[in-house]
Every structure is written in C-alpha cells, then in structure tokens.
Amino acid sequence: MNAINSNEQMIQKINEVLQTKKDAVVNIVNDKLTISVFSLLEKILRM
C-alpha cells in the first residue's frame, strides 16, 4: 500500500475509489491533512 503524501494524491485516490467501486464509501478522518484536502476538493467542485 502506497502512502499518500499530498492533497492532490488524496483527491486522486478518492476519485479513483468512487469511480471504480460500486457503492464505495470514503471514511473521513478528522485531521489537518484531511480537512485541507476536502477544502481543496470543495474549491475544485465549485469551479
């Protein structure tokens, strides 16, 4: 299993899971990296 080292890698992995697995669930851990990733994802989705 590869470590996720950046916000972009986290978003890429989330998108990959959601696109490839039926009824996928992404569990959110409340930490600084996760919060910054979802903040960035929110900005991207509003474009």
Protein backbone atom coordinates (compact mmCIF):
# COMPACT_ATOMS: atom_id res chain seq x y z
CA MET A 1 0.00 0.00 0.00
CA ASN A 2 1.44 3.38 -1.01
CA ALA A 3 1.42 6.36 1.33
CA ILE A 4 -0.47 9.49 0.36
CA ASN A 5 1.89 12.45 0.55
CA SER A 6 -0.12 15.37 -0.81
CA ASN A 7 -3.61 16.79 -1.12
CA GLU A 8 -3.59 16.05 -4.84
CA GLN A 9 -2.77 12.38 -4.24
CA MET A 10 -5.57 12.13 -1.68
CA ILE A 11 -8.11 13.64 -4.08
CA GLN A 12 -6.91 11.41 -6.91
CA LYS A 13 -7.29 8.30 -4.74
CA ILE A 14 -10.76 9.34 -3.53
CA ASN A 15 -11.89 9.96 -7.11
CA GLU A 16 -10.43 6.61 -8.21
CA VAL A 17 -12.27 4.71 -5.49
CA LEU A 18 -15.56 6.49 -6.14
CA GLN A 19 -15.33 5.91 -9.89
CA THR A 20 -14.24 2.26 -9.84
CA LYS A 21 -16.10 0.70 -6.93
CA LYS A 22 -19.86 0.38 -6.83
CA ASP A 23 -21.37 1.67 -3.57
CA ALA A 24 -17.95 2.85 -2.39
CA VAL A 25 -17.66 4.52 0.98
CA VAL A 26 -14.91 7.01 1.80
CA ASN A 27 -14.35 7.40 5.52
CA ILE A 28 -13.17 10.85 6.55
CA VAL A 29 -10.64 11.14 9.35
CA ASN A 30 -10.73 14.50 11.06
CA ASP A 31 -7.12 15.60 10.82
CA LYS A 32 -5.34 18.60 9.36
CA LEU A 33 -4.44 16.90 6.04
CA THR A 34 -7.95 15.59 5.52
CA ILE A 35 -9.50 18.98 6.25
CA SER A 36 -7.18 20.70 3.80
CA VAL A 37 -7.88 18.07 1.13
CA PHE A 38 -11.63 18.47 1.41
CA SER A 39 -11.28 22.24 1.41
CA LEU A 40 -9.35 21.98 -1.86
CA LEU A 41 -11.88 19.48 -3.25
CA GLU A 42 -14.72 21.86 -2.40
CA LYS A 43 -12.96 24.68 -4.30
CA ILE A 44 -12.43 22.41 -7.32
CA LEU A 45 -16.06 21.28 -7.37
CA ARG A 46 -17.32 24.89 -7.27
CA MET A 47 -15.42 25.77 -10.48
